[in-house]
PDB file of N, CA and C in Angstrom:
ATOM      1  N   UNK A   1     112.208 112.490  74.527  1.00  0.00           N
ATOM      2  CA  UNK A   1     111.381 113.522  75.433  1.00  0.00           C
ATOM      3  C   UNK A   1     110.463 112.698  75.763  1.00  0.00           C
ATOM      4  N   UNK A   2     109.964 113.440  76.703  1.00  0.00           N
ATOM      5  CA  UNK A   2     109.052 112.583  78.215  1.00  0.00           C
ATOM      6  C   UNK A   2     107.933 114.106  78.554  1.00  0.00           C
ATOM      7  N   UNK A   3     107.020 113.481  79.169  1.00  0.00           N
ATOM      8  CA  UNK A   3     106.131 114.212  79.959  1.00  0.00           C
ATOM      9  C   UNK A   3     106.069 113.817  81.018  1.00  0.00           C
ATOM     10  N   UNK A   4     105.701 114.874  82.140  1.00  0.00           N
ATOM     11  CA  UNK A   4     105.628 114.487  83.296  1.00  0.00           C
ATOM     12  C   UNK A   4     104.078 114.499  83.733  1.00  0.00           C
ATOM     13  N   UNK A   5     103.826 113.364  84.164  1.00  0.00           N
ATOM     14  CA  UNK A   5     102.340 113.217  84.924  1.00  0.00           C
ATOM     15  C   UNK A   5     102.344 113.284  86.301  1.00  0.00           C
ATOM     16  N   UNK A   6     101.025 113.248  86.861  1.00  0.00           N
ATOM     17  CA  UNK A   6     101.025 113.352  88.434  1.00  0.00           C
ATOM     18  C   UNK A   6     100.537 112.051  89.137  1.00  0.00           C
ATOM     19  N   UNK A   7     101.245 111.593  89.895  1.00  0.00           N
ATOM     20  CA  UNK A   7     100.575 110.570  90.514  1.00  0.00           C
ATOM     21  C   UNK A   7      99.610 110.871  91.754  1.00  0.00           C
ATOM     22  N   UNK A   8      98.886 109.759  92.242  1.00  0.00           N
ATOM     23  CA  UNK A   8      97.870 110.215  93.283  1.00  0.00           C
ATOM     24  C   UNK A   8      98.419 110.629  94.391  1.00  0.00           C
ATOM     25  N   UNK A   9      99.979 110.936  94.816  1.00  0.00           N
ATOM     26  CA  UNK A   9     100.501 111.183  95.897  1.00  0.00           C
ATOM     27  C   UNK A   9     101.101 112.449  95.333  1.00  0.00           C
ATOM     28  N   UNK A  10     100.899 113.100  94.282  1.00  0.00           N
ATOM     29  CA  UNK A  10     101.622 114.378  93.800  1.00  0.00           C
ATOM     30  C   UNK A  10     102.938 114.177  93.288  1.00  0.00           C
ATOM     31  N   UNK A  11     103.648 112.895  93.336  1.00  0.00           N
ATOM     32  CA  UNK A  11     104.779 113.011  92.445  1.00  0.00           C
ATOM     33  C   UNK A  11     104.781 112.879  90.988  1.00  0.00           C
ATOM     34  N   UNK A  12     105.762 113.415  90.477  1.00  0.00           N
ATOM     35  CA  UNK A  12     105.847 113.652  89.308  1.00  0.00           C
ATOM     36  C   UNK A  12     106.416 111.995  88.491  1.00  0.00           C
ATOM     37  N   UNK A  13     105.646 111.794  87.717  1.00  0.00           N
ATOM     38  CA  UNK A  13     106.325 110.359  86.581  1.00  0.00           C
ATOM     39  C   UNK A  13     106.266 110.793  85.624  1.00  0.00           C
ATOM     40  N   UNK A  14     107.312 110.426  84.956  1.00  0.00           N
ATOM     41  CA  UNK A  14     107.842 110.700  83.429  1.00  0.00           C
ATOM     42  C   UNK A  14     107.064 109.485  82.649  1.00  0.00           C
ATOM     43  N   UNK A  15     106.740 110.025  81.680  1.00  0.00           N
ATOM     44  CA  UNK A  15     106.039 108.879  80.666  1.00  0.00           C
ATOM     45  C   UNK A  15     106.889 109.377  79.185  1.00  0.00           C
ATOM     46  N   UNK A  16     107.882 108.428  78.643  1.00  0.00           N
ATOM     47  CA  UNK A  16     108.796 108.908  77.133  1.00  0.00           C
ATOM     48  C   UNK A  16     108.034 108.990  76.359  1.00  0.00           C
ATOM     49  N   UNK A  17     108.285 109.641  75.224  1.00  0.00           N
ATOM     50  CA  UNK A  17     107.829 109.148  74.101  1.00  0.00           C
ATOM     51  C   UNK A  17     108.108 107.762  73.468  1.00  0.00           C
ATOM     52  N   UNK A  18     108.792 107.086  73.939  1.00  0.00           N
ATOM     53  CA  UNK A  18     109.401 105.930  73.596  1.00  0.00           C
ATOM     54  C   UNK A  18     108.181 104.611  74.721  1.00  0.00           C
ATOM     55  N   UNK A  19     107.974 105.002  75.437  1.00  0.00           N
ATOM     56  CA  UNK A  19     107.042 104.362  76.199  1.00  0.00           C
ATOM     57  C   UNK A  19     105.503 104.314  75.398  1.00  0.00           C
ATOM     58  N   UNK A  20     105.296 105.686  74.956  1.00  0.00           N
ATOM     59  CA  UNK A  20     103.934 105.821  75.268  1.00  0.00           C
ATOM     60  C   UNK A  20     103.375 105.001  73.403  1.00  0.00           C
ATOM     61  N   UNK A  21     104.397 105.233  72.637  1.00  0.00           N
ATOM     62  CA  UNK A  21     104.626 104.746  71.797  1.00  0.00           C
ATOM     63  C   UNK A  21     104.167 103.257  71.419  1.00  0.00           C
ATOM     64  N   UNK A  22     105.199 102.533  72.387  1.00  0.00           N
ATOM     65  CA  UNK A  22     105.263 100.768  73.007  1.00  0.00           C
ATOM     66  C   UNK A  22     103.214 100.838  73.455  1.00  0.00           C
ATOM     67  N   UNK A  23     102.888 101.747  74.128  1.00  0.00           N
ATOM     68  CA  UNK A  23     101.660 101.635  74.670  1.00  0.00           C
ATOM     69  C   UNK A  23     100.620 101.789  73.499  1.00  0.00           C
ATOM     70  N   UNK A  24     100.377 102.514  72.586  1.00  0.00           N
ATOM     71  CA  UNK A  24      99.752 102.792  71.700  1.00  0.00           C
ATOM     72  C   UNK A  24      99.853 101.980  70.439  1.00  0.00           C
ATOM     73  N   UNK A  25     100.932 100.953  70.552  1.00  0.00           N
ATOM     74  CA  UNK A  25     101.174  99.837  69.380  1.00  0.00           C
ATOM     75  C   UNK A  25      99.752  98.942  69.301  1.00  0.00           C
ATOM     76  N   UNK A  26      99.526  98.917  70.964  1.00  0.00           N
ATOM     77  CA  UNK A  26      98.160  98.025  70.668  1.00  0.00           C
ATOM     78  C   UNK A  26      96.939  98.996  70.494  1.00  0.00           C
ATOM     79  N   UNK A  27      96.027  98.489  69.434  1.00  0.00           N
ATOM     80  CA  UNK A  27      94.943  98.971  69.057  1.00  0.00           C
ATOM     81  C   UNK A  27      94.115  99.449  69.831  1.00  0.00           C
ATOM     82  N   UNK A  28      93.904  98.734  71.155  1.00  0.00           N
ATOM     83  CA  UNK A  28      92.916  98.893  72.136  1.00  0.00           C
ATOM     84  C   UNK A  28      93.377  99.908  72.838  1.00  0.00           C
ATOM     85  N   UNK A  29      94.607 100.688  72.451  1.00  0.00           N
ATOM     86  CA  UNK A  29      95.073 101.555  73.891  1.00  0.00           C
ATOM     87  C   UNK A  29      95.081 103.065  72.426  1.00  0.00           C
ATOM     88  N   UNK A  30      94.361 102.717  71.613  1.00  0.00           N
ATOM     89  CA  UNK A  30      94.330 104.161  70.914  1.00  0.00           C
ATOM     90  C   UNK A  30      93.702 104.997  71.666  1.00  0.00           C
ATOM     91  N   UNK A  31      93.721 106.353  71.285  1.00  0.00           N
ATOM     92  CA  UNK A  31      93.295 107.499  72.145  1.00  0.00           C
ATOM     93  C   UNK A  31      92.816 107.005  73.395  1.00  0.00           C
ATOM     94  N   UNK A  32      93.710 106.671  74.272  1.00  0.00           N
ATOM     95  CA  UNK A  32      93.903 106.310  75.522  1.00  0.00           C
ATOM     96  C   UNK A  32      94.779 107.097  76.724  1.00  0.00           C
ATOM     97  N   UNK A  33      95.538 108.295  76.014  1.00  0.00           N
ATOM     98  CA  UNK A  33      96.785 109.014  76.503  1.00  0.00           C
ATOM     99  C   UNK A  33      95.919 109.619  77.793  1.00  0.00           C
ATOM    100  N   UNK A  34      94.464 110.354  77.466  1.00  0.00           N
ATOM    101  CA  UNK A  34      94.426 111.070  78.360  1.00  0.00           C
ATOM    102  C   UNK A  34      94.029 110.275  79.770  1.00  0.00           C
ATOM    103  N   UNK A  35      93.231 108.932  79.528  1.00  0.00           N
ATOM    104  CA  UNK A  35      92.747 108.026  80.624  1.00  0.00           C
ATOM    105  C   UNK A  35      94.094 107.505  81.439  1.00  0.00           C
ATOM    106  N   UNK A  36      95.322 107.446  80.827  1.00  0.00           N
ATOM    107  CA  UNK A  36      96.766 107.112  81.291  1.00  0.00           C
ATOM    108  C   UNK A  36      96.977 108.240  82.358  1.00  0.00           C
ATOM    109  N   UNK A  37      96.972 109.474  82.162  1.00  0.00           N
ATOM    110  CA  UNK A  37      96.844 110.706  83.292  1.00  0.00           C
ATOM    111  C   UNK A  37      95.863 110.471  84.020  1.00  0.00           C
ATOM    112  N   UNK A  38      95.064 110.294  83.805  1.00  0.00           N
ATOM    113  CA  UNK A  38      93.485 110.506  84.575  1.00  0.00           C
ATOM    114  C   UNK A  38      93.821 109.120  85.758  1.00  0.00           C
ATOM    115  N   UNK A  39      94.161 107.955  85.372  1.00  0.00           N
ATOM    116  CA  UNK A  39      94.245 106.630  86.334  1.00  0.00           C
ATOM    117  C   UNK A  39      95.510 106.988  87.310  1.00  0.00           C
ATOM    118  N   UNK A  40      96.606 107.529  86.434  1.00  0.00           N
ATOM    119  CA  UNK A  40      97.908 107.715  87.528  1.00  0.00           C
ATOM    120  C   UNK A  40      97.504 108.976  88.697  1.00  0.00           C
ATOM    121  N   UNK A  41      96.771 109.937  88.112  1.00  0.00           N
ATOM    122  CA  UNK A  41      96.218 111.006  89.260  1.00  0.00           C
ATOM    123  C   UNK A  41      95.092 110.524  90.109  1.00  0.00           C
ATOM    124  N   UNK A  42      94.111 109.813  89.719  1.00  0.00           N
ATOM    125  CA  UNK A  42      93.114 109.220  90.575  1.00  0.00           C
ATOM    126  C   UNK A  42      92.459 107.785  90.184  1.00  0.00           C
ATOM    127  N   UNK A  43      93.637 106.913  90.627  1.00  0.00           N
ATOM    128  CA  UNK A  43      93.225 105.537  90.556  1.00  0.00           C
ATOM    129  C   UNK A  43      92.299 104.856  91.555  1.00  0.00           C
ATOM    130  N   UNK A  44      91.723 103.945  91.369  1.00  0.00           N
ATOM    131  CA  UNK A  44      90.901 103.442  92.261  1.00  0.00           C
ATOM    132  C   UNK A  44      91.285 102.338  93.053  1.00  0.00           C
ATOM    133  N   UNK A  45      92.921 101.990  92.487  1.00  0.00           N
ATOM    134  CA  UNK A  45      93.351 100.847  93.201  1.00  0.00           C
ATOM    135  C   UNK A  45      94.903 100.851  92.917  1.00  0.00           C
ATOM    136  N   UNK A  46      95.578 101.185  93.922  1.00  0.00           N
ATOM    137  CA  UNK A  46      97.131 100.343  93.825  1.00  0.00           C
ATOM    138  C   UNK A  46      97.295  99.653  94.214  1.00  0.00           C
ATOM    139  N   UNK A  47      98.056  98.502  93.248  1.00  0.00           N
ATOM    140  CA  UNK A  47      98.613  97.605  93.953  1.00  0.00           C
ATOM    141  C   UNK A  47     100.204  97.391  93.898  1.00  0.00           C
ATOM    142  N   UNK A  48     100.494  96.714  94.753  1.00  0.00           N
ATOM    143  CA  UNK A  48     102.392  96.806  94.585  1.00  0.00           C
ATOM    144  C   UNK A  48     102.576  95.418  93.857  1.00  0.00           C
ATOM    145  N   UNK A  49     103.939  95.347  93.126  1.00  0.00           N
ATOM    146  CA  UNK A  49     103.765  94.168  92.068  1.00  0.00           C
ATOM    147  C   UNK A  49     104.526  93.061  92.751  1.00  0.00           C
ATOM    148  N   UNK A  50     103.931  91.945  92.644  1.00  0.00           N
ATOM    149  CA  UNK A  50     104.377  90.835  93.427  1.00  0.00           C
ATOM    150  C   UNK A  50     106.188  90.217  92.921  1.00  0.00           C
ATOM    151  N   UNK A  51     106.353  90.850  91.536  1.00  0.00           N
ATOM    152  CA  UNK A  51     107.632  90.689  91.212  1.00  0.00           C
ATOM    153  C   UNK A  51     108.838  91.932  91.644  1.00  0.00           C
ATOM    154  N   UNK A  52     108.335  93.057  91.754  1.00  0.00           N
ATOM    155  CA  UNK A  52     109.351  93.888  92.165  1.00  0.00           C
ATOM    156  C   UNK A  52     108.430  95.019  92.989  1.00  0.00           C
ATOM    157  N   UNK A  53     109.395  95.207  94.281  1.00  0.00           N
ATOM    158  CA  UNK A  53     108.816  96.175  95.376  1.00  0.00           C
ATOM    159  C   UNK A  53     108.746  97.374  94.870  1.00  0.00           C
ATOM    160  N   UNK A  54     109.335  97.816  93.649  1.00  0.00           N
ATOM    161  CA  UNK A  54     109.463  99.383  93.070  1.00  0.00           C
ATOM    162  C   UNK A  54     108.419  99.691  92.426  1.00  0.00           C
ATOM    163  N   UNK A  55     107.743  98.640  91.783  1.00  0.00           N
ATOM    164  CA  UNK A  55     106.651  98.809  90.716  1.00  0.00           C
ATOM    165  C   UNK A  55     105.295  98.833  91.528  1.00  0.00           C
ATOM    166  N   UNK A  56     104.322  99.743  91.262  1.00  0.00           N
ATOM    167  CA  UNK A  56     103.172  99.971  91.528  1.00  0.00           C
ATOM    168  C   UNK A  56     102.409  99.531  90.177  1.00  0.00           C
ATOM    169  N   UNK A  57     101.232  99.054  90.512  1.00  0.00           N
ATOM    170  CA  UNK A  57     100.127  98.904  89.670  1.00  0.00           C
ATOM    171  C   UNK A  57      98.834  99.721  89.808  1.00  0.00           C
ATOM    172  N   UNK A  58      98.633 100.914  88.834  1.00  0.00           N
ATOM    173  CA  UNK A  58      97.533 101.968  89.323  1.00  0.00           C
ATOM    174  C   UNK A  58      96.226 101.878  88.007  1.00  0.00           C
ATOM    175  N   UNK A  59      94.871 101.047  88.785  1.00  0.00           N
ATOM    176  CA  UNK A  59      94.038 100.514  88.319  1.00  0.00           C
ATOM    177  C   UNK A  59      93.111 101.660  88.351  1.00  0.00           C
ATOM    178  N   UNK A  60      92.217 101.731  87.076  1.00  0.00           N
ATOM    179  CA  UNK A  60      90.721 102.830  86.920  1.00  0.00           C
ATOM    180  C   UNK A  60      90.274 101.825  86.191  1.00  0.00           C
ATOM    181  N   UNK A  61      88.569 101.801  86.677  1.00  0.00           N
ATOM    182  CA  UNK A  61      87.700 100.992  85.500  1.00  0.00           C
ATOM    183  C   UNK A  61      87.269 102.145  84.669  1.00  0.00           C
ATOM    184  N   UNK A  62      87.251 101.763  83.212  1.00  0.00           N
ATOM    185  CA  UNK A  62      86.419 102.188  82.186  1.00  0.00           C
ATOM    186  C   UNK A  62      85.302 101.899  81.567  1.00  0.00           C
ATOM    187  N   UNK A  63      83.974 101.926  81.424  1.00  0.00           N
ATOM    188  CA  UNK A  63      83.277 101.581  81.048  1.00  0.00           C
ATOM    189  C   UNK A  63      83.403 102.095  78.852  1.00  0.00           C
ATOM    190  N   UNK A  64      82.800 101.451  78.534  1.00  0.00           N
ATOM    191  CA  UNK A  64      83.114 101.217  76.843  1.00  0.00           C
ATOM    192  C   UNK A  64      84.102 101.740  76.443  1.00  0.00           C
ATOM    193  N   UNK A  65      85.135 100.732  76.697  1.00  0.00           N
ATOM    194  CA  UNK A  65      86.764 101.002  75.845  1.00  0.00           C
ATOM    195  C   UNK A  65      85.997 100.288  74.415  1.00  0.00           C
ATOM    196  N   UNK A  66      87.288 100.101  73.552  1.00  0.00           N
ATOM    197  CA  UNK A  66      87.036  99.460  72.397  1.00  0.00           C
ATOM    198  C   UNK A  66      87.206  97.951  72.753  1.00  0.00           C
ATOM    199  N   UNK A  67      87.342  97.471  73.843  1.00  0.00           N
ATOM    200  CA  UNK A  67      87.490  96.273  74.028  1.00  0.00           C
ATOM    201  C   UNK A  67      86.424  96.124  75.416  1.00  0.00           C
ATOM    202  N   UNK A  68      85.304  96.874  75.330  1.00  0.00           N
ATOM    203  CA  UNK A  68      84.445  96.949  76.978  1.00  0.00           C
ATOM    204  C   UNK A  68      84.573  97.515  77.505  1.00  0.00           C
ATOM    205  N   UNK A  69      84.059  97.371  78.823  1.00  0.00           N
ATOM    206  CA  UNK A  69      84.656  97.596  80.109  1.00  0.00           C
ATOM    207  C   UNK A  69      85.740  96.896  80.741  1.00  0.00           C
ATOM    208  N   UNK A  70      86.486  98.046  80.753  1.00  0.00           N
ATOM    209  CA  UNK A  70      87.918  97.134  81.417  1.00  0.00           C
ATOM    210  C   UNK A  70      88.473  98.136  82.415  1.00  0.00           C
ATOM    211  N   UNK A  71      89.210  97.429  83.016  1.00  0.00           N
ATOM    212  CA  UNK A  71      90.134  98.157  84.057  1.00  0.00           C
ATOM    213  C   UNK A  71      91.454  98.523  83.269  1.00  0.00           C
ATOM    214  N   UNK A  72      92.066 100.177  83.411  1.00  0.00           N
ATOM    215  CA  UNK A  72      92.913 100.230  83.082  1.00  0.00           C
ATOM    216  C   UNK A  72      94.011 100.175  83.943  1.00  0.00           C
ATOM    217  N   UNK A  73      95.525  99.591  83.643  1.00  0.00           N
ATOM    218  CA  UNK A  73      96.610  99.628  84.404  1.00  0.00           C
ATOM    219  C   UNK A  73      97.436 100.258  84.147  1.00  0.00           C
ATOM    220  N   UNK A  74      97.955 101.455  84.491  1.00  0.00           N
ATOM    221  CA  UNK A  74      99.438 102.188  84.540  1.00  0.00           C
ATOM    222  C   UNK A  74     100.362 101.411  85.518  1.00  0.00           C
ATOM    223  N   UNK A  75     101.289 101.012  84.829  1.00  0.00           N
ATOM    224  CA  UNK A  75     102.339 100.651  85.379  1.00  0.00           C
ATOM    225  C   UNK A  75     103.799 101.059  85.537  1.00  0.00           C
ATOM    226  N   UNK A  76     103.918 101.632  87.156  1.00  0.00           N
ATOM    227  CA  UNK A  76     104.930 102.298  87.022  1.00  0.00           C
ATOM    228  C   UNK A  76     106.104 102.130  87.934  1.00  0.00           C
ATOM    229  N   UNK A  77     107.322 102.278  87.642  1.00  0.00           N
ATOM    230  CA  UNK A  77     108.505 101.959  89.158  1.00  0.00           C
ATOM    231  C   UNK A  77     108.751 103.289  88.980  1.00  0.00           C
ATOM    232  N   UNK A  78     109.013 103.041  90.696  1.00  0.00           N
ATOM    233  CA  UNK A  78     109.406 104.219  91.565  1.00  0.00           C
ATOM    234  C   UNK A  78     111.307 103.935  91.990  1.00  0.00           C
ATOM    235  N   UNK A  79     111.861 104.451  91.793  1.00  0.00           N
ATOM    236  CA  UNK A  79     113.243 104.187  92.278  1.00  0.00           C
ATOM    237  C   UNK A  79     113.879 105.766  93.210  1.00  0.00           C
ATOM    238  N   UNK A  80     114.775 105.787  93.846  1.00  0.00           N
ATOM    239  CA  UNK A  80     114.942 107.002  94.917  1.00  0.00           C
ATOM    240  C   UNK A  80     114.887 108.318  93.926  1.00  0.00           C
ATOM    241  N   UNK A  81     115.310 108.261  92.809  1.00  0.00           N
ATOM    242  CA  UNK A  81     115.170 110.079  92.158  1.00  0.00           C
ATOM    243  C   UNK A  81     114.663 109.643  90.963  1.00  0.00           C
ATOM    244  N   UNK A  82     113.571 108.564  90.730  1.00  0.00           N
ATOM    245  CA  UNK A  82     112.910 109.053  89.414  1.00  0.00           C
ATOM    246  C   UNK A  82     111.911 108.396  89.587  1.00  0.00           C
ATOM    247  N   UNK A  83     110.782 108.131  88.234  1.00  0.00           N
ATOM    248  CA  UNK A  83     109.728 107.595  88.463  1.00  0.00           C
ATOM    249  C   UNK A  83     109.093 107.648  87.119  1.00  0.00           C
ATOM    250  N   UNK A  84     108.788 106.319  86.731  1.00  0.00           N
ATOM    251  CA  UNK A  84     108.476 106.771  85.188  1.00  0.00           C
ATOM    252  C   UNK A  84     107.382 105.159  84.838  1.00  0.00           C
ATOM    253  N   UNK A  85     106.468 105.521  83.624  1.00  0.00           N
ATOM    254  CA  UNK A  85     105.775 104.750  83.600  1.00  0.00           C
ATOM    255  C   UNK A  85     106.272 103.310  82.770  1.00  0.00           C
ATOM    256  N   UNK A  86     106.105 102.266  82.981  1.00  0.00           N
ATOM    257  CA  UNK A  86     106.518 101.368  82.220  1.00  0.00           C
ATOM    258  C   UNK A  86     105.890 100.840  81.000  1.00  0.00           C
ATOM    259  N   UNK A  87     104.600 100.573  81.367  1.00  0.00           N
ATOM    260  CA  UNK A  87     103.422 100.201  80.362  1.00  0.00           C
ATOM    261  C   UNK A  87     102.131 100.370  80.712  1.00  0.00           C
ATOM    262  N   UNK A  88     101.052  99.914  80.081  1.00  0.00           N
ATOM    263  CA  UNK A  88      99.802 100.682  80.428  1.00  0.00           C
ATOM    264  C   UNK A  88      99.101  99.530  79.465  1.00  0.00           C
ATOM    265  N   UNK A  89      98.188  99.212  80.290  1.00  0.00           N
ATOM    266  CA  UNK A  89      97.143  98.276  79.242  1.00  0.00           C
ATOM    267  C   UNK A  89      95.741  97.826  79.908  1.00  0.00           C
ATOM    268  N   UNK A  90      94.834  97.576  79.149  1.00  0.00           N
ATOM    269  CA  UNK A  90      93.396  97.446  79.830  1.00  0.00           C
ATOM    270  C   UNK A  90      93.259  95.570  80.039  1.00  0.00           C
ATOM    271  N   UNK A  91      92.788  95.711  81.232  1.00  0.00           N
ATOM    272  CA  UNK A  91      92.554  93.947  81.519  1.00  0.00           C
ATOM    273  C   UNK A  91      91.257  93.897  82.470  1.00  0.00           C
ATOM    274  N   UNK A  92      90.673  92.247  82.101  1.00  0.00           N
ATOM    275  CA  UNK A  92      89.425  92.056  83.215  1.00  0.00           C
ATOM    276  C   UNK A  92      89.686  92.295  84.370  1.00  0.00           C
ATOM    277  N   UNK A  93      90.946  92.129  85.142  1.00  0.00           N
ATOM    278  CA  UNK A  93      90.787  92.311  86.470  1.00  0.00           C
ATOM    279  C   UNK A  93      92.131  92.219  86.688  1.00  0.00           C
ATOM    280  N   UNK A  94      92.330  92.631  88.372  1.00  0.00           N
ATOM    281  CA  UNK A  94      93.436  93.498  88.484  1.00  0.00           C
ATOM    282  C   UNK A  94      94.329  92.289  89.336  1.00  0.00           C
ATOM    283  N   UNK A  95      95.687  92.089  89.420  1.00  0.00           N
ATOM    284  CA  UNK A  95      96.600  90.963  89.439  1.00  0.00           C
ATOM    285  C   UNK A  95      96.414  91.649  90.881  1.00  0.00           C
ATOM    286  N   UNK A  96      97.050  89.999  91.351  1.00  0.00           N
ATOM    287  CA  UNK A  96      97.120  89.917  93.029  1.00  0.00           C
ATOM    288  C   UNK A  96      98.317  90.564  93.764  1.00  0.00           C
ATOM    289  N   UNK A  97      98.346  91.243  95.022  1.00  0.00           N
ATOM    290  CA  UNK A  97      99.582  91.611  95.044  1.00  0.00           C
ATOM    291  C   UNK A  97      99.002  92.368  96.211  1.00  0.00           C
ATOM    292  N   UNK A  98      99.777  92.890  97.221  1.00  0.00           N
ATOM    293  CA  UNK A  98      99.351  94.007  98.201  1.00  0.00           C
ATOM    294  C   UNK A  98      98.700  95.646  97.649  1.00  0.00           C
ATOM    295  N   UNK A  99      97.656  95.554  98.266  1.00  0.00           N
ATOM    296  CA  UNK A  99      96.863  96.936  98.028  1.00  0.00           C
ATOM    297  C   UNK A  99      97.086  97.586  98.996  1.00  0.00           C
ATOM    298  N   UNK A 100      97.856  98.925  98.077  1.00  0.00           N
ATOM    299  CA  UNK A 100      98.910  99.774  99.332  1.00  0.00           C
ATOM    300  C   UNK A 100      97.666 101.430  98.980  1.00  0.00           C
ATOM    301  N   UNK A 101      96.778 101.420  98.205  1.00  0.00           N
ATOM    302  CA  UNK A 101      95.898 102.669  98.054  1.00  0.00           C
ATOM    303  C   UNK A 101      94.571 101.859  97.586  1.00  0.00           C
ATOM    304  N   UNK A 102      93.380 102.766  97.690  1.00  0.00           N
ATOM    305  CA  UNK A 102      92.875 103.370  99.177  1.00  0.00           C
ATOM    306  C   UNK A 102      93.290 102.500 100.143  1.00  0.00           C
TER     307      UNK A 102
END
């Protein structure tokens, strides 16, 4: 099963139960499902991966997560007929790479 989220450009992005379970294995990500959807819909920055041109890193800053004030990064792979969440994690800083939005 999967749910369809919407990114900042209105595109549908699949989040499978398997990927969500993988993300939630990390204790600091507990109860962050809603923030994953919000970050995809309203990121503060989107960067293109330096390792895979079809992967975008969507960032939004959150105050008071379980591990302090952090960026939530939602990693999405876009291919011609599909888009899906690879992972999501909290981080202190954004990765380098071409910023494609805003």
